[in-house]
Every structure is written in C-alpha cells, then in structure tokens.
C-alpha cells in the first residue's frame, strides 16, 4: 500500500527532483531525497501543514523562493525523467524509508561539516554531501 497517494505525473516529477538534487550521490542519495519529499507530503505540521500532494511539495514557495533549489536553478530538473529515477520514486512512494532521512523534512549541502541543528531542528545524519534534519521531538507526529 502506498505511503501517499500518487499519479504517474507525480512519479515523473519526483524522479526529476531526486535526480536534480542528488544524482551525484547515487541511487541511495536519491532515495533519501525521495524520503524528504514523501515526508513533507505527510507532515501536518510546521511549514508543511497545507501541503498534501507531491506536486505541492515540489513547487512549494517559502520566503519568496522555491523550497527546492532545483526548481529555480536546475536545468537537470527540467529534463525528462529517466526510468531508473522513476523506479526509485515509485519505491519511495510505496514503502521505502531509511535513516538518516527516514523522518527528515529537510536536507542541505553545507560545503563543510553538518551543524548539529538547522533552523532549530535536530540533525539526523549525513549521507555523502547532504545533511538531514528531522522535526524536533513532539512537534510533528504525522511524520513518524
């Protein structure tokens, strides 16, 4: 049973985002980005209270900018989705979740050591260049 409802166009959109954000980190890195996308669609809290679909997650605007840099700057994001990334996106949407992004709502590449918190949210782990952060305890039960 899928973790969230999705359409073929959601798979395509998510696959393109996973590739644009983490192709340099291989399949595992792309799956972690997929975890964050799925988690944001489930999170009924914080900045994601009114975000319910994959499309809303991908194109969410916060502080005047898209939440995902690739939407604004990413020529890779605007290329066609490949079958490899579509398989990974489907895997995320159906069941796959793993640490450090299992409950993460944020990630970024600090070009240095991962800080212990990011905007007050606790560090959950690192994979290659990306640092992952999950909501502070007791602030977002819908993610867990």
Protein backbone atom coordinates (compact mmCIF):
# COMPACT_ATOMS: atom_id res chain seq x y z
CA UNK A 1 0.00 0.00 0.00
CA UNK A 2 1.44 3.41 -0.93
CA UNK A 3 2.59 5.75 1.82
CA UNK A 4 0.88 8.63 -0.02
CA UNK A 5 -1.49 8.81 -2.98
CA UNK A 6 0.26 9.48 -6.27
CA UNK A 7 -0.20 9.62 -10.02
CA UNK A 8 2.14 8.83 -12.91
CA UNK A 9 2.86 12.54 -13.24
CA UNK A 10 3.85 12.62 -9.52
CA UNK A 11 6.33 9.81 -10.17
CA UNK A 12 7.79 11.75 -13.08
CA UNK A 13 8.02 14.99 -11.10
CA UNK A 14 9.55 13.31 -8.06
CA UNK A 15 12.03 11.35 -10.21
CA UNK A 16 13.21 14.57 -11.84
CA UNK A 17 13.64 16.25 -8.44
CA UNK A 18 15.52 13.29 -6.94
CA UNK A 19 17.91 13.29 -9.89
CA UNK A 20 18.38 17.07 -9.90
CA UNK A 21 19.08 17.22 -6.18
CA UNK A 22 21.19 14.09 -5.67
CA UNK A 23 22.34 12.37 -8.86
CA UNK A 24 25.94 12.77 -7.69
CA UNK A 25 25.11 10.75 -4.58
CA UNK A 26 23.86 7.72 -6.46
CA UNK A 27 20.68 5.75 -6.01
CA UNK A 28 20.92 5.82 -2.22
CA UNK A 29 21.26 9.60 -2.12
CA UNK A 30 18.32 10.00 -4.50
CA UNK A 31 16.20 7.71 -2.30
CA UNK A 32 16.97 9.90 0.72
CA UNK A 33 15.79 12.99 -1.17
CA UNK A 34 12.67 10.99 -2.04
CA UNK A 35 12.12 10.31 1.67
CA UNK A 36 12.10 14.04 2.37
CA UNK A 37 9.59 14.67 -0.44
CA UNK A 38 7.24 11.95 0.82
CA UNK A 39 7.65 13.06 4.44
CA UNK A 40 6.73 16.64 3.55
CA UNK A 41 3.53 15.44 1.88
CA UNK A 42 2.58 13.55 5.07
CA UNK A 43 3.66 16.23 7.56
CA UNK A 44 0.68 18.02 9.03
CA UNK A 45 2.90 20.46 10.89
CA UNK A 46 5.38 23.30 10.68
CA UNK A 47 5.91 24.68 7.14
CA UNK A 48 4.08 21.74 5.59
CA UNK A 49 0.62 22.00 7.22
CA UNK A 50 -1.21 22.69 3.95
CA UNK A 51 0.99 20.61 1.63
CA UNK A 52 -0.58 17.26 0.71
CA UNK A 53 0.47 16.28 -2.81
CA UNK A 54 3.82 15.56 -4.40
CA UNK A 55 3.25 18.48 -6.79
CA UNK A 56 2.59 20.85 -3.86
CA UNK A 57 5.77 19.66 -2.15
CA UNK A 58 7.94 20.13 -5.26
CA UNK A 59 6.60 23.60 -6.08
CA UNK A 60 6.19 24.92 -2.52
CA UNK A 61 7.37 28.51 -2.11
CA UNK A 62 8.81 29.63 1.23
CA UNK A 63 10.16 33.10 1.86
CA UNK A 64 9.69 34.05 -1.79
CA UNK A 65 11.75 31.13 -3.14
CA UNK A 66 11.01 27.57 -4.11
CA UNK A 67 11.78 25.13 -1.29
CA UNK A 68 13.91 23.05 -3.64
CA UNK A 69 16.67 24.98 -5.33
CA UNK A 70 16.50 22.73 -8.40
CA UNK A 71 13.07 24.12 -9.36
CA UNK A 72 14.52 27.60 -9.64
CA UNK A 73 18.04 26.89 -10.87
CA UNK A 74 18.02 23.33 -12.08
CA UNK A 75 18.35 22.60 -15.74
CA UNK A 76 18.54 18.90 -14.71
CA UNK A 77 15.11 19.19 -13.08
CA UNK A 78 13.63 20.31 -16.37
CA UNK A 79 14.97 17.31 -18.30
CA UNK A 80 12.83 14.20 -18.85
CA UNK A 81 12.69 11.66 -16.04
CA UNK A 82 14.68 8.50 -16.66
CA UNK A 83 13.39 5.01 -15.89
CA UNK A 84 15.99 4.49 -13.13
CA UNK A 85 14.81 7.51 -11.15
CA UNK A 86 11.15 6.66 -11.80
CA UNK A 87 11.73 3.24 -10.21
CA UNK A 88 13.36 4.93 -7.21
CA UNK A 89 10.50 7.43 -6.87
CA UNK A 90 7.93 4.64 -7.01
CA UNK A 91 9.91 2.77 -4.35
CA UNK A 92 9.79 5.83 -2.05
CA UNK A 93 6.10 6.41 -2.67
CA UNK A 94 5.20 2.80 -1.93
CA UNK A 95 7.23 1.98 1.16
CA UNK A 96 10.95 2.77 1.25
CA UNK A 97 12.19 4.81 4.22
CA UNK A 98 15.62 4.66 5.78
CA UNK A 99 17.87 6.54 8.19
CA UNK A 100 19.15 9.29 8.06
CA UNK A 101 16.19 10.58 6.01
CA UNK A 102 13.53 8.22 7.38
CA UNK A 103 11.78 11.05 9.25
CA UNK A 104 13.64 14.01 7.73
CA UNK A 105 11.83 17.07 6.45
CA UNK A 106 14.95 19.00 5.42
CA UNK A 107 18.36 18.46 3.91
CA UNK A 108 21.08 20.65 2.55
CA UNK A 109 24.70 20.58 1.43
CA UNK A 110 26.68 22.81 3.79
CA UNK A 111 30.01 22.50 1.92
CA UNK A 112 31.51 21.77 5.34
CA UNK A 113 30.59 19.83 8.49
CA UNK A 114 26.90 19.33 9.23
CA UNK A 115 25.69 21.65 12.00
CA UNK A 116 24.01 19.94 14.99
CA UNK A 117 20.77 21.78 14.24
CA UNK A 118 19.36 23.61 11.24
CA UNK A 119 16.82 26.32 11.97
CA UNK A 120 16.41 24.69 15.37
CA UNK A 121 15.68 21.22 14.02
CA UNK A 122 17.93 18.29 15.08
CA UNK A 123 20.48 16.66 12.80
CA UNK A 124 19.51 13.08 11.97
CA UNK A 125 22.53 12.10 9.90
CA UNK A 126 24.61 12.62 6.81
CA UNK A 127 24.93 10.83 3.50
CA UNK A 128 27.80 11.98 1.32
CA UNK A 129 27.38 15.77 0.95
CA UNK A 130 23.85 16.12 2.32
CA UNK A 131 22.93 16.72 5.96
CA UNK A 132 19.44 15.56 7.01
CA UNK A 133 17.24 17.07 9.71
CA UNK A 134 14.04 15.79 11.28
CA UNK A 135 11.48 17.70 13.32
CA UNK A 136 12.22 18.24 16.99
CA UNK A 137 10.61 15.67 19.27
CA UNK A 138 6.91 16.25 19.84
CA UNK A 139 6.48 18.81 17.02
CA UNK A 140 5.36 16.66 14.11
CA UNK A 141 3.83 13.29 14.98
CA UNK A 142 2.47 12.83 11.43
CA UNK A 143 5.98 12.25 10.06
CA UNK A 144 6.77 9.34 12.38
